[in-house]
C-alpha atoms as a PDB file:
ATOM      1  CA  MET A   1     103.622 102.900 115.142  1.00  0.00           C
ATOM      2  CA  ASN A   2     104.727 100.636 111.896  1.00  0.00           C
ATOM      3  CA  LEU A   3     102.140  98.000 112.991  1.00  0.00           C
ATOM      4  CA  LEU A   4      99.595 100.895 112.558  1.00  0.00           C
ATOM      5  CA  THR A   5     100.813 101.360 108.967  1.00  0.00           C
ATOM      6  CA  ILE A   6     100.711  98.296 108.499  1.00  0.00           C
ATOM      7  CA  ILE A   7      97.343  97.355 109.291  1.00  0.00           C
ATOM      8  CA  GLY A   8      96.280 100.064 107.653  1.00  0.00           C
ATOM      9  CA  ASN A   9      97.749  99.670 104.090  1.00  0.00           C
ATOM     10  CA  ALA A  10      95.943  95.836 104.654  1.00  0.00           C
ATOM     11  CA  ALA A  11      92.841  97.589 104.743  1.00  0.00           C
ATOM     12  CA  LEU A  12      93.570  99.659 101.670  1.00  0.00           C
ATOM     13  CA  ASP A  13      95.173  96.452  99.918  1.00  0.00           C
ATOM     14  CA  LYS A  14      93.588  92.636  99.270  1.00  0.00           C
ATOM     15  CA  THR A  15      96.811  92.009  97.676  1.00  0.00           C
ATOM     16  CA  PHE A  16      99.255  93.177 100.394  1.00  0.00           C
ATOM     17  CA  ARG A  17      96.817  92.262 102.379  1.00  0.00           C
ATOM     18  CA  ASP A  18      96.093  88.206 101.304  1.00  0.00           C
ATOM     19  CA  GLN A  19     100.376  88.314 101.506  1.00  0.00           C
ATOM     20  CA  LEU A  20     100.638  89.465 104.980  1.00  0.00           C
ATOM     21  CA  LEU A  21      97.437  86.881 106.077  1.00  0.00           C
ATOM     22  CA  ASP A  22      99.196  84.084 104.277  1.00  0.00           C
ATOM     23  CA  THR A  23     102.431  82.088 106.245  1.00  0.00           C
ATOM     24  CA  ASP A  24     105.201  85.266 107.183  1.00  0.00           C
ATOM     25  CA  PRO A  25     104.192  88.368 107.922  1.00  0.00           C
ATOM     26  CA  VAL A  26     106.948  90.288 108.770  1.00  0.00           C
ATOM     27  CA  GLY A  27     108.401  88.811 105.471  1.00  0.00           C
ATOM     28  CA  THR A  28     105.938  89.865 103.948  1.00  0.00           C
ATOM     29  CA  ALA A  29     106.192  93.734 105.907  1.00  0.00           C
ATOM     30  CA  HIS A  30     109.867  93.643 104.971  1.00  0.00           C
ATOM     31  CA  ARG A  31     109.468  93.165 101.253  1.00  0.00           C
ATOM     32  CA  TYR A  32     106.906  96.298 100.897  1.00  0.00           C
ATOM     33  CA  GLY A  33     109.616  98.096 102.545  1.00  0.00           C
ATOM     34  CA  PHE A  34     107.954  98.326 106.186  1.00  0.00           C
ATOM     35  CA  HIS A  35     111.025  98.578 108.862  1.00  0.00           C
ATOM     36  CA  LEU A  36     110.013  96.351 112.125  1.00  0.00           C
ATOM     37  CA  THR A  37     110.849  97.038 115.499  1.00  0.00           C
ATOM     38  CA  MET A  38     112.240  93.305 117.207  1.00  0.00           C
ATOM     39  CA  ASP A  39     109.053  94.059 119.482  1.00  0.00           C
ATOM     40  CA  GLU A  40     106.695  94.930 116.341  1.00  0.00           C
ATOM     41  CA  ALA A  41     108.189  91.727 114.561  1.00  0.00           C
ATOM     42  CA  ASP A  42     107.041  89.720 117.312  1.00  0.00           C
ATOM     43  CA  ALA A  43     103.897  91.160 118.111  1.00  0.00           C
ATOM     44  CA  LEU A  44     102.816  91.249 114.202  1.00  0.00           C
ATOM     45  CA  PRO A  45     102.125  87.290 113.781  1.00  0.00           C
ATOM     46  CA  LYS A  46     100.146  87.676 117.018  1.00  0.00           C
ATOM     47  CA  LEU A  47      98.546  90.327 116.244  1.00  0.00           C
ATOM     48  CA  LEU A  48      97.305  88.245 112.775  1.00  0.00           C
ATOM     49  CA  ALA A  49      96.786  84.955 114.775  1.00  0.00           C
ATOM     50  CA  LYS A  50      92.602  85.027 113.554  1.00  0.00           C
ATOM     51  CA  LYS A  51      92.778  84.936 110.232  1.00  0.00           C
ATOM     52  CA  VAL A  52      89.478  84.119 109.213  1.00  0.00           C
ATOM     53  CA  GLU A  53      88.031  86.764 111.385  1.00  0.00           C
ATOM     54  CA  LEU A  54      90.516  89.163 109.615  1.00  0.00           C
ATOM     55  CA  GLN A  55      89.724  88.478 106.336  1.00  0.00           C
ATOM     56  CA  LYS A  56      86.020  88.694 107.470  1.00  0.00           C
ATOM     57  CA  THR A  57      86.739  92.024 108.792  1.00  0.00           C
ATOM     58  CA  PHE A  58      88.815  93.099 106.237  1.00  0.00           C
ATOM     59  CA  GLN A  59      86.920  92.850 103.526  1.00  0.00           C
ATOM     60  CA  SER A  60      83.853  94.408 105.718  1.00  0.00           C
ATOM     61  CA  LEU A  61      86.571  97.714 105.874  1.00  0.00           C
ATOM     62  CA  ASP A  62      87.195  97.787 102.427  1.00  0.00           C
ATOM     63  CA  ASP A  63      83.394  97.474 100.725  1.00  0.00           C
ATOM     64  CA  THR A  64      82.803 100.715 102.868  1.00  0.00           C
ATOM     65  CA  LEU A  65      85.706 102.166 101.367  1.00  0.00           C
ATOM     66  CA  LEU A  66      84.664 101.921  98.083  1.00  0.00           C
ATOM     67  CA  VAL A  67      82.606 105.117  98.939  1.00  0.00           C
ATOM     68  CA  ILE A  68      85.921 107.261  99.035  1.00  0.00           C
ATOM     69  CA  CYS A  69      88.489 105.325  97.468  1.00  0.00           C
ATOM     70  CA  PRO A  70      86.931 103.544  94.517  1.00  0.00           C
ATOM     71  CA  GLN A  71      90.317 102.431  92.898  1.00  0.00           C
ATOM     72  CA  ARG A  72      91.507  99.336  93.982  1.00  0.00           C
ATOM     73  CA  PRO A  73      94.342  98.775  95.224  1.00  0.00           C
ATOM     74  CA  CYS A  74      92.975 102.193  97.142  1.00  0.00           C
ATOM     75  CA  LYS A  75      95.160 105.875  96.018  1.00  0.00           C
ATOM     76  CA  PHE A  76      95.969 105.501 100.047  1.00  0.00           C
ATOM     77  CA  ALA A  77      97.475 102.182 100.014  1.00  0.00           C
ATOM     78  CA  ILE A  78     101.712 103.215 101.077  1.00  0.00           C
ATOM     79  CA  HIS A  79     102.487 101.077  97.577  1.00  0.00           C
ATOM     80  CA  SER A  80     100.249 101.360  94.536  1.00  0.00           C
ATOM     81  CA  ALA A  81      99.657  98.175  92.088  1.00  0.00           C
ATOM     82  CA  SER A  82     103.087  99.484  90.165  1.00  0.00           C
ATOM     83  CA  ALA A  83     104.986  99.949  92.905  1.00  0.00           C
ATOM     84  CA  ARG A  84     104.276  96.961  94.392  1.00  0.00           C
ATOM     85  CA  PRO A  85     107.484  94.761  95.310  1.00  0.00           C
ATOM     86  CA  GLN A  86     107.525  91.373  93.102  1.00  0.00           C
ATOM     87  CA  PRO A  87     108.377  87.697  94.684  1.00  0.00           C
ATOM     88  CA  GLY A  88     111.262  87.415  95.671  1.00  0.00           C
ATOM     89  CA  GLN A  89     112.282  91.307  95.426  1.00  0.00           C
ATOM     90  CA  VAL A  90     112.468  94.089  98.134  1.00  0.00           C
ATOM     91  CA  ALA A  91     110.506  97.600  98.358  1.00  0.00           C
ATOM     92  CA  ALA A  92     113.316 100.362  97.256  1.00  0.00           C
ATOM     93  CA  ASP A  93     113.235 102.670 100.663  1.00  0.00           C
END
């Protein structure tokens, strides 16, 4: 279930998305407070392997969502801008 939440959050929060699609998606998920099972931690990098295509898809979805959530990052994202972990910091549970 975490993978669905992570993908949804990536659609709504470009900063999270960029970090997730960078070099360490599992570490990014952990920093944002997601607790992945071993299967989810194994699946996440595989799921995000096609980064260029995913960036385009996420951007298209983000453009569509601007109608219902013009604020960025969207208020429906798991972590608002003020709650985002800083580099080297882990989100509070």
